[in-house]
């Protein structure tokens, strides 16, 4: 959305940002508590995130997907892929610190002391460093980075007001752009699934730079498509729907949100026409209606609990017909929401590059395999009997020294009290709309049999 767009669109976008904003409408720099959010008094101590003061900087010694996602044809030689958290943030740091003449960064949330220090160091040695930060929803989260960078010679601007700038893009020396699904937020790196496509195709980089220049100057612009770019709000929804409608055999996807009716309808239609649709997300009661509709249409959904150290699905990616001649992958900042597709400033990339499609596809398949199957309320688990209530439970040690345990529960009992007991100790929390709960159970020793009751359902686990 350009700075000079008609006022009615700005008003509508602002209205949609309430509940339809970037990153699931969560407060900038935070995640919504899981259905079993910490009970009052739970210690809040956590490991120091990478890049924070006193934390070791990632060594970047692991061979990343960026090193192997080259190949030939379909633009592959211009594209490399990072898979997070596996590959780590070090390749991004190296791009920033290796800049010779210019750095342009458009970022929804910036809270990474190491990245900020690299940007400041670039500016100190004469590199022209320019940064655009969102102010519509993430101004508070970005305020510290804004002050730090401005004080050190980095040219920082707030994104044009009235529009959510959810784009996450880095360009170095006018030669290489990184199109990211994730923000530069150090706390998120260890446990968040995200992708980054490193793009050196001249047409793409030129389009990204032209758009940055206009945004930085506050000029309206219709972002150029480059060779394979997907911008919101210009062509994002049409591209997403086209990828879904064009799938013949398989559709695999991850996203943080599932609230755009057109996308939900398209996915349901694909499942009904026989496409194998697999969806992996993080559980959130906001998406229950869409999940139920998709499940009933024949789509396969699996969810991770929101909290307790589980992998958090922040990636926004679709792979259609992996392994077939017309395979395609769409990776970018776009969530499946009306705000993200129709009003925000967002950027993604659509590619058929075999190495990129293969790597994203393999990651989505592994994530799907590791998540719990979604079942609509009242739907029994595999091998269940009729409509009997059911639950499954697993447990992990939170703090062995204190005998503190996290008990994850999945059930067909939404909005019910879930209680875990073991050796005379108990903990209780309420399930969310998808039947998930995270219960803090403090006291029982390692290996104790934990019994969970959710309504009339009973299940057991050991840590």
Foldseek 3Di string as FASTA:
>chain_A
DALPDDVVLLVVLLVCLCCFNALRNDAPPDDDAFLARDDPPPDPDDDDFAQDPPHDHDPQPDDFQQVVQADDDQQRPFKGKGKAPVRPDVVVLCLLLVFDAEKEWEFAAAAGNSSLVSLLVCVVVPHQYEYEYEDARCCVRCVVSVVSNVVRRHHYDYFNPSFRAHWTKMDGPLFKMKFWQDGNHRVQGHFETIMIMIGRQNQVSVQVVVVRVCRSVSHTDDGDCRPFKAKPQPCNVVVLLCLLQPFDAEKFWEAADAAAVSNLVSLLVSQLVHHAAEYEAADDLVCLVSVVSSVVSRYWYFHDTDDDRHRHYSWGKMWGPQPDPPIKMKGHNAGNGCSRHHTHTIMIGMTPSNSVNVVVVVVSVVSRVPGHTQDAQQGDDVVDDHSDWEKEKEKDAPDQVFQKMKIKMFISAAQWKKKKDWPHWIWIGGHHNRRIHITITTDDHAQTWIWMDTPNYIYIYGD
